[in-house]
Protein backbone atom coordinates (compact mmCIF):
# COMPACT_ATOMS: atom_id res chain seq x y z
CA MET A 1 157.66 107.39 113.24
CA HIS A 2 154.00 108.05 113.23
CA ILE A 3 151.91 105.86 110.71
CA ILE A 4 149.07 108.06 110.93
CA SER A 5 149.03 111.95 110.35
CA LEU A 6 146.03 113.73 111.40
CA SER A 7 144.94 116.95 109.72
CA GLN A 8 145.09 120.07 111.68
CA SER A 9 141.36 120.22 112.02
CA LEU A 10 140.93 117.07 113.55
CA HIS A 11 139.04 118.88 116.49
CA LYS A 12 136.54 120.21 113.92
CA SER A 13 136.16 117.15 111.76
CA PRO A 14 137.25 113.98 113.54
CA LEU A 15 136.72 111.91 110.71
CA ARG A 16 139.50 113.45 108.63
CA LEU A 17 142.55 110.98 108.75
CA VAL A 18 145.49 111.15 106.12
CA VAL A 19 147.06 107.67 105.95
CA ARG A 20 150.50 107.59 104.81
CA THR A 21 151.51 104.48 102.55
CA LEU A 22 154.53 102.66 103.96
CA PRO A 23 156.30 99.57 102.67
CA PHE A 24 154.13 96.77 103.65
CA GLN A 25 155.72 94.31 106.19
CA GLY A 26 154.08 91.27 107.49
CA ARG A 27 153.21 91.09 111.02
CA ASN A 28 155.47 88.11 111.76
CA THR A 29 157.75 88.47 108.76
CA GLY A 30 160.71 90.97 107.93
CA SER A 31 160.27 93.08 105.03
CA ASN A 32 157.97 92.23 101.88
CA PRO A 33 160.22 91.04 99.07
CA VAL A 34 158.10 92.33 96.51
CA GLY A 35 158.15 95.94 98.00
CA ASP A 36 154.23 96.28 97.97
CA THR A 37 153.27 99.62 99.38
CA ARG A 38 149.76 99.28 101.18
CA PRO A 39 148.43 101.71 103.91
CA TYR A 40 148.72 100.36 107.28
CA MET A 41 144.99 100.14 108.31
CA GLY A 42 145.31 98.93 111.68
CA MET A 43 145.18 102.26 113.98
CA VAL A 44 143.00 103.79 111.45
CA ASP A 45 140.40 101.06 111.57
CA ALA A 46 140.41 101.32 115.29
CA LEU A 47 139.78 105.08 115.34
CA ILE A 48 137.09 104.86 112.74
CA TRP A 49 135.51 102.09 114.65
CA THR A 50 135.64 104.07 117.71
CA GLN A 51 133.94 106.87 116.01
CA ARG A 52 131.38 104.94 114.35
CA HIS A 53 130.47 102.98 117.53
CA SER A 54 130.42 106.54 119.37
CA ILE A 55 127.91 107.93 116.85
CA GLU A 56 125.78 104.72 117.23
CA TYR A 57 125.72 105.11 120.83
CA MET A 58 124.55 108.74 120.50
CA VAL A 59 121.75 107.85 118.09
CA ASP A 60 120.64 105.03 120.82
CA GLY A 61 120.69 107.52 123.37
CA ALA A 62 118.70 109.92 121.10
CA LYS A 63 116.12 107.33 120.60
CA LEU A 64 115.85 106.42 124.28
CA ILE A 65 115.29 110.22 125.21
CA GLY A 66 112.65 110.62 122.13
CA ALA A 67 110.74 107.51 123.45
CA GLY A 68 110.98 108.79 127.06
CA CYS A 69 109.37 112.10 125.75
CA ALA A 70 106.71 110.45 123.71
CA THR A 71 105.62 108.49 126.78
CA ILE A 72 104.94 111.55 128.76
CA ALA A 73 101.50 111.41 126.77
CA LEU A 74 100.73 108.63 128.68
CA ALA A 75 100.67 110.31 132.16
CA GLY A 76 98.31 112.98 130.64
CA ALA A 77 95.98 110.25 129.12
CA GLY A 78 95.93 108.82 132.79
CA ALA A 79 94.88 112.04 134.22
CA GLY A 80 92.22 112.67 131.52
CA ILE A 81 90.65 109.32 132.40
CA GLY A 82 90.49 109.99 135.95
CA ILE A 83 89.12 113.72 135.08
CA VAL A 84 86.57 111.76 132.95
CA PHE A 85 85.43 109.50 135.54
CA GLY A 86 85.74 112.05 138.39
CA SER A 87 83.26 114.00 136.40
CA LEU A 88 80.81 111.13 135.95
CA ILE A 89 80.73 110.40 139.83
CA ASN A 90 80.05 114.17 140.37
CA SER A 91 77.37 114.45 137.71
CA VAL A 92 75.58 111.07 138.99
CA ALA A 93 75.76 112.54 142.44
CA ARG A 94 74.04 115.66 141.37
CA ASN A 95 71.63 114.05 139.14
CA PRO A 96 71.00 110.30 139.61
CA SER A 97 68.12 110.07 136.94
CA LEU A 98 70.68 110.79 134.16
CA THR A 99 73.08 108.01 135.22
CA LYS A 100 72.62 105.71 131.84
CA GLN A 101 72.99 108.79 129.44
CA LEU A 102 76.14 110.15 131.40
CA PHE A 103 77.72 106.62 131.66
CA GLY A 104 77.70 106.41 127.92
CA TYR A 105 79.18 109.76 127.63
CA ALA A 106 81.90 108.67 130.13
CA ILE A 107 82.80 105.58 128.27
CA LEU A 108 83.20 107.66 124.94
CA GLY A 109 85.42 110.05 126.83
CA PHE A 110 87.28 107.21 128.25
CA ALA A 111 87.66 105.84 124.54
CA LEU A 112 88.85 108.96 123.13
CA THR A 113 91.42 109.69 125.74
CA GLU A 114 92.69 105.93 125.75
CA ALA A 115 93.08 106.47 121.82
CA ILE A 116 95.46 109.14 122.45
CA ALA A 117 97.41 107.19 124.93
CA LEU A 118 97.72 104.22 122.44
CA PHE A 119 98.81 106.69 119.75
CA ALA A 120 101.56 108.02 122.07
CA LEU A 121 102.69 104.44 122.91
CA MET A 122 102.76 103.68 119.15
CA MET A 123 105.16 106.66 118.72
CA ALA A 124 107.31 105.54 121.34
CA PHE A 125 107.61 101.95 119.94
CA LEU A 126 108.11 103.65 116.40
CA ILE A 127 111.00 105.70 117.65
CA LEU A 128 112.37 102.70 119.66
CA PHE A 129 112.13 100.00 116.86
CA VAL A 130 111.82 101.55 113.47
CA PHE A 131 113.70 104.72 113.09
């Protein structure tokens, strides 16, 4: 005799479970003398536990994918810093008399590019540890 009857639309909504109430019987004893009717929750609890943990694993996987996508910006920031200092070297090679002024602009470009990288890293940590 099946203790749990699943709805016909189980494949559409796996959380729909109908539990039949059966006369309560102790695990190690015979029948209950009072005739208490309680739902048998052992298998239902197992199914709900499995579904809940499956959803939690999916959410954890989505967090990891989102954090990985957020860290793609770090590669762009690294390329941007390389372009800034490569342009500094190129500009100083063309006009060495403007070295101090160009270095100030390069440091400003480095700081702005690094700020974008820190924002991307902050978003990755927010996705991982807050949401």
